[in-house]
């Protein structure tokens, strides 16, 4: 019985602290992109977010790479499984959002690529025998981002 309670509390921790961490990540993204905008304003007076169609994608790509580098360090660290599973909500959300950005407005492409990504990560978890909490985090984020897409939530 204690193992069941421990598993339930672990899953609940991923949901609660993962949600908190996602909010921190979105604030971090806003600050990061504002910093990039501030640096670019030293070199041009143009409203680059409106005039350069590629500029917002470049900023997002830079954030994507930054989260990837941080994730590589965190997921290879000696942190416990619970902490890694909680943190994993952030890179998973960033990947799903990136898929959505790159495929917008082709929803079927976004859902298909999201499903392929999820299946690929599930296969990786299975083949490397990762703990169940990683599977839970992936399924949680996959379903959450699917609902974001289906409900038309703007991020």
C-alpha atoms as a PDB file:
ATOM      1  CA  UNK A   1       0.000   0.000   0.000  1.00  0.00           C
ATOM      2  CA  UNK A   2       2.837   2.422   0.758  1.00  0.00           C
ATOM      3  CA  UNK A   3       4.194   2.038  -2.787  1.00  0.00           C
ATOM      4  CA  UNK A   4       0.797   2.926  -4.247  1.00  0.00           C
ATOM      5  CA  UNK A   5       0.594   6.074  -2.114  1.00  0.00           C
ATOM      6  CA  UNK A   6       4.180   6.976  -3.039  1.00  0.00           C
ATOM      7  CA  UNK A   7       3.357   6.573  -6.749  1.00  0.00           C
ATOM      8  CA  UNK A   8       0.208   8.684  -6.460  1.00  0.00           C
ATOM      9  CA  UNK A   9       2.100  11.431  -4.616  1.00  0.00           C
ATOM     10  CA  UNK A  10       4.896  11.300  -7.212  1.00  0.00           C
ATOM     11  CA  UNK A  11       2.405  11.689 -10.068  1.00  0.00           C
ATOM     12  CA  UNK A  12       0.696  14.530  -8.220  1.00  0.00           C
ATOM     13  CA  UNK A  13       4.084  16.209  -7.680  1.00  0.00           C
ATOM     14  CA  UNK A  14       4.775  16.040 -11.431  1.00  0.00           C
ATOM     15  CA  UNK A  15       1.416  17.663 -12.163  1.00  0.00           C
ATOM     16  CA  UNK A  16       1.674  20.435  -9.553  1.00  0.00           C
ATOM     17  CA  UNK A  17       5.370  21.294  -9.741  1.00  0.00           C
ATOM     18  CA  UNK A  18       5.454  20.709 -13.500  1.00  0.00           C
ATOM     19  CA  UNK A  19       2.682  23.297 -13.913  1.00  0.00           C
ATOM     20  CA  UNK A  20       4.644  25.724 -11.733  1.00  0.00           C
ATOM     21  CA  UNK A  21       7.828  25.065 -13.723  1.00  0.00           C
ATOM     22  CA  UNK A  22       6.000  25.622 -17.018  1.00  0.00           C
ATOM     23  CA  UNK A  23       4.912  29.049 -15.811  1.00  0.00           C
ATOM     24  CA  UNK A  24       8.489  29.845 -14.802  1.00  0.00           C
ATOM     25  CA  UNK A  25       9.668  28.679 -18.251  1.00  0.00           C
ATOM     26  CA  UNK A  26       7.160  30.922 -20.062  1.00  0.00           C
ATOM     27  CA  UNK A  27       8.259  33.900 -17.952  1.00  0.00           C
ATOM     28  CA  UNK A  28      11.884  32.997 -18.693  1.00  0.00           C
ATOM     29  CA  UNK A  29      11.057  32.872 -22.412  1.00  0.00           C
ATOM     30  CA  UNK A  30       9.449  36.318 -22.272  1.00  0.00           C
ATOM     31  CA  UNK A  31      12.476  37.746 -20.463  1.00  0.00           C
ATOM     32  CA  UNK A  32      14.868  36.008 -22.868  1.00  0.00           C
ATOM     33  CA  UNK A  33      13.074  37.330 -25.941  1.00  0.00           C
ATOM     34  CA  UNK A  34      12.865  40.820 -24.421  1.00  0.00           C
ATOM     35  CA  UNK A  35      16.617  40.714 -23.821  1.00  0.00           C
ATOM     36  CA  UNK A  36      17.189  39.736 -27.454  1.00  0.00           C
ATOM     37  CA  UNK A  37      14.879  42.579 -28.576  1.00  0.00           C
ATOM     38  CA  UNK A  38      16.796  45.044 -26.393  1.00  0.00           C
ATOM     39  CA  UNK A  39      20.128  43.964 -27.849  1.00  0.00           C
ATOM     40  CA  UNK A  40      18.803  44.170 -31.432  1.00  0.00           C
ATOM     41  CA  UNK A  41      17.404  47.686 -30.778  1.00  0.00           C
ATOM     42  CA  UNK A  42      20.995  48.896 -30.320  1.00  0.00           C
ATOM     43  CA  UNK A  43      21.576  48.146 -34.004  1.00  0.00           C
ATOM     44  CA  UNK A  44      18.300  49.136 -35.673  1.00  0.00           C
ATOM     45  CA  UNK A  45      15.304  51.378 -35.142  1.00  0.00           C
ATOM     46  CA  UNK A  46      13.000  49.079 -37.097  1.00  0.00           C
ATOM     47  CA  UNK A  47      10.165  47.244 -35.349  1.00  0.00           C
ATOM     48  CA  UNK A  48      11.890  43.952 -36.058  1.00  0.00           C
ATOM     49  CA  UNK A  49       9.090  41.769 -34.673  1.00  0.00           C
ATOM     50  CA  UNK A  50       6.751  43.184 -37.302  1.00  0.00           C
ATOM     51  CA  UNK A  51       9.088  43.942 -40.207  1.00  0.00           C
ATOM     52  CA  UNK A  52      11.317  40.866 -40.215  1.00  0.00           C
ATOM     53  CA  UNK A  53       9.072  37.807 -40.557  1.00  0.00           C
ATOM     54  CA  UNK A  54      11.941  35.448 -39.704  1.00  0.00           C
ATOM     55  CA  UNK A  55      12.969  37.265 -36.508  1.00  0.00           C
ATOM     56  CA  UNK A  56      10.393  35.774 -34.069  1.00  0.00           C
ATOM     57  CA  UNK A  57      11.272  32.280 -35.342  1.00  0.00           C
ATOM     58  CA  UNK A  58      14.965  32.928 -34.744  1.00  0.00           C
ATOM     59  CA  UNK A  59      14.229  34.091 -31.193  1.00  0.00           C
ATOM     60  CA  UNK A  60      12.178  30.978 -30.552  1.00  0.00           C
ATOM     61  CA  UNK A  61      14.903  28.783 -32.060  1.00  0.00           C
ATOM     62  CA  UNK A  62      17.445  30.389 -29.729  1.00  0.00           C
ATOM     63  CA  UNK A  63      15.192  29.666 -26.751  1.00  0.00           C
ATOM     64  CA  UNK A  64      14.678  26.103 -28.008  1.00  0.00           C
ATOM     65  CA  UNK A  65      18.450  25.572 -28.118  1.00  0.00           C
ATOM     66  CA  UNK A  66      18.883  27.141 -24.664  1.00  0.00           C
ATOM     67  CA  UNK A  67      16.249  24.827 -23.155  1.00  0.00           C
ATOM     68  CA  UNK A  68      17.907  21.903 -24.945  1.00  0.00           C
ATOM     69  CA  UNK A  69      21.279  22.730 -23.408  1.00  0.00           C
ATOM     70  CA  UNK A  70      19.810  23.169 -19.927  1.00  0.00           C
ATOM     71  CA  UNK A  71      17.835  19.934 -20.351  1.00  0.00           C
ATOM     72  CA  UNK A  72      20.895  17.991 -21.424  1.00  0.00           C
ATOM     73  CA  UNK A  73      22.641  19.059 -18.230  1.00  0.00           C
ATOM     74  CA  UNK A  74      19.635  18.448 -15.940  1.00  0.00           C
ATOM     75  CA  UNK A  75      18.643  15.075 -17.413  1.00  0.00           C
ATOM     76  CA  UNK A  76      22.237  13.789 -17.249  1.00  0.00           C
ATOM     77  CA  UNK A  77      22.721  14.969 -13.667  1.00  0.00           C
ATOM     78  CA  UNK A  78      22.480  12.846 -10.546  1.00  0.00           C
ATOM     79  CA  UNK A  79      19.111  14.332  -9.622  1.00  0.00           C
ATOM     80  CA  UNK A  80      16.449  11.846  -8.601  1.00  0.00           C
ATOM     81  CA  UNK A  81      13.872  10.447 -10.994  1.00  0.00           C
ATOM     82  CA  UNK A  82      11.079  12.579  -9.516  1.00  0.00           C
ATOM     83  CA  UNK A  83      13.005  15.825 -10.039  1.00  0.00           C
ATOM     84  CA  UNK A  84      13.937  14.879 -13.586  1.00  0.00           C
ATOM     85  CA  UNK A  85      10.339  13.915 -14.375  1.00  0.00           C
ATOM     86  CA  UNK A  86       9.107  17.247 -13.030  1.00  0.00           C
ATOM     87  CA  UNK A  87      11.715  19.140 -15.040  1.00  0.00           C
ATOM     88  CA  UNK A  88      10.919  17.128 -18.176  1.00  0.00           C
ATOM     89  CA  UNK A  89       7.609  19.001 -18.471  1.00  0.00           C
ATOM     90  CA  UNK A  90       9.533  22.040 -19.732  1.00  0.00           C
ATOM     91  CA  UNK A  91      11.501  20.564 -22.658  1.00  0.00           C
ATOM     92  CA  UNK A  92       8.502  18.477 -23.696  1.00  0.00           C
ATOM     93  CA  UNK A  93       6.262  21.563 -23.746  1.00  0.00           C
ATOM     94  CA  UNK A  94       8.897  23.498 -25.696  1.00  0.00           C
ATOM     95  CA  UNK A  95       9.110  20.733 -28.304  1.00  0.00           C
ATOM     96  CA  UNK A  96       5.319  20.519 -28.673  1.00  0.00           C
ATOM     97  CA  UNK A  97       4.998  24.314 -28.917  1.00  0.00           C
ATOM     98  CA  UNK A  98       7.786  24.388 -31.497  1.00  0.00           C
ATOM     99  CA  UNK A  99       5.989  21.748 -33.560  1.00  0.00           C
ATOM    100  CA  UNK A 100       2.852  23.895 -33.360  1.00  0.00           C
ATOM    101  CA  UNK A 101       4.710  27.044 -34.390  1.00  0.00           C
ATOM    102  CA  UNK A 102       6.437  25.399 -37.335  1.00  0.00           C
ATOM    103  CA  UNK A 103       3.294  23.729 -38.672  1.00  0.00           C
ATOM    104  CA  UNK A 104       0.795  26.529 -38.040  1.00  0.00           C
ATOM    105  CA  UNK A 105      -1.937  26.662 -39.437  1.00  0.00           C
ATOM    106  CA  UNK A 106      -1.735  23.050 -40.695  1.00  0.00           C
ATOM    107  CA  UNK A 107      -3.308  21.372 -37.655  1.00  0.00           C
ATOM    108  CA  UNK A 108      -3.152  17.818 -38.984  1.00  0.00           C
ATOM    109  CA  UNK A 109       0.583  18.225 -39.556  1.00  0.00           C
ATOM    110  CA  UNK A 110       0.999  19.505 -35.990  1.00  0.00           C
ATOM    111  CA  UNK A 111      -1.003  16.639 -34.497  1.00  0.00           C
ATOM    112  CA  UNK A 112       0.760  14.058 -36.671  1.00  0.00           C
ATOM    113  CA  UNK A 113       4.244  15.313 -35.827  1.00  0.00           C
ATOM    114  CA  UNK A 114       3.285  15.589 -32.152  1.00  0.00           C
ATOM    115  CA  UNK A 115       2.074  11.992 -32.208  1.00  0.00           C
ATOM    116  CA  UNK A 116       5.236  10.808 -33.973  1.00  0.00           C
ATOM    117  CA  UNK A 117       7.380  12.646 -31.430  1.00  0.00           C
ATOM    118  CA  UNK A 118       5.417  11.097 -28.552  1.00  0.00           C
ATOM    119  CA  UNK A 119       5.710   7.599 -30.018  1.00  0.00           C
ATOM    120  CA  UNK A 120       9.432   8.111 -30.592  1.00  0.00           C
ATOM    121  CA  UNK A 121      10.034   9.225 -27.022  1.00  0.00           C
ATOM    122  CA  UNK A 122       7.875   6.375 -25.699  1.00  0.00           C
ATOM    123  CA  UNK A 123       9.996   3.943 -27.702  1.00  0.00           C
ATOM    124  CA  UNK A 124      13.176   5.540 -26.329  1.00  0.00           C
ATOM    125  CA  UNK A 125      11.869   5.252 -22.757  1.00  0.00           C
ATOM    126  CA  UNK A 126      10.901   1.620 -23.350  1.00  0.00           C
ATOM    127  CA  UNK A 127      14.184   0.634 -24.994  1.00  0.00           C
ATOM    128  CA  UNK A 128      16.258   2.313 -22.270  1.00  0.00           C
ATOM    129  CA  UNK A 129      13.994   1.034 -19.488  1.00  0.00           C
ATOM    130  CA  UNK A 130      13.201   4.431 -18.010  1.00  0.00           C
ATOM    131  CA  UNK A 131      11.049   4.690 -14.862  1.00  0.00           C
ATOM    132  CA  UNK A 132       7.266   4.852 -15.151  1.00  0.00           C
ATOM    133  CA  UNK A 133       7.246   8.477 -14.016  1.00  0.00           C
ATOM    134  CA  UNK A 134       8.927   9.514 -17.278  1.00  0.00           C
ATOM    135  CA  UNK A 135       6.132   7.813 -19.240  1.00  0.00           C
ATOM    136  CA  UNK A 136       3.586   9.590 -17.056  1.00  0.00           C
ATOM    137  CA  UNK A 137       5.200  12.982 -17.701  1.00  0.00           C
ATOM    138  CA  UNK A 138       5.299  12.388 -21.450  1.00  0.00           C
ATOM    139  CA  UNK A 139       1.655  11.280 -21.622  1.00  0.00           C
ATOM    140  CA  UNK A 140       0.604  14.177 -19.360  1.00  0.00           C
ATOM    141  CA  UNK A 141       2.361  16.757 -21.526  1.00  0.00           C
ATOM    142  CA  UNK A 142       1.217  15.146 -24.781  1.00  0.00           C
ATOM    143  CA  UNK A 143      -2.412  15.231 -23.697  1.00  0.00           C
ATOM    144  CA  UNK A 144      -2.100  18.719 -22.207  1.00  0.00           C
ATOM    145  CA  UNK A 145      -0.609  20.168 -25.378  1.00  0.00           C
ATOM    146  CA  UNK A 146      -3.175  18.291 -27.482  1.00  0.00           C
ATOM    147  CA  UNK A 147      -5.935  19.925 -25.447  1.00  0.00           C
ATOM    148  CA  UNK A 148      -4.239  23.315 -25.855  1.00  0.00           C
ATOM    149  CA  UNK A 149      -4.346  22.777 -29.611  1.00  0.00           C
ATOM    150  CA  UNK A 150      -7.883  21.426 -29.755  1.00  0.00           C
ATOM    151  CA  UNK A 151      -9.288  24.189 -27.548  1.00  0.00           C
ATOM    152  CA  UNK A 152      -7.442  26.886 -29.504  1.00  0.00           C
ATOM    153  CA  UNK A 153      -5.567  28.223 -26.499  1.00  0.00           C
ATOM    154  CA  UNK A 154      -3.149  31.021 -27.440  1.00  0.00           C
ATOM    155  CA  UNK A 155       0.258  30.791 -25.802  1.00  0.00           C
END
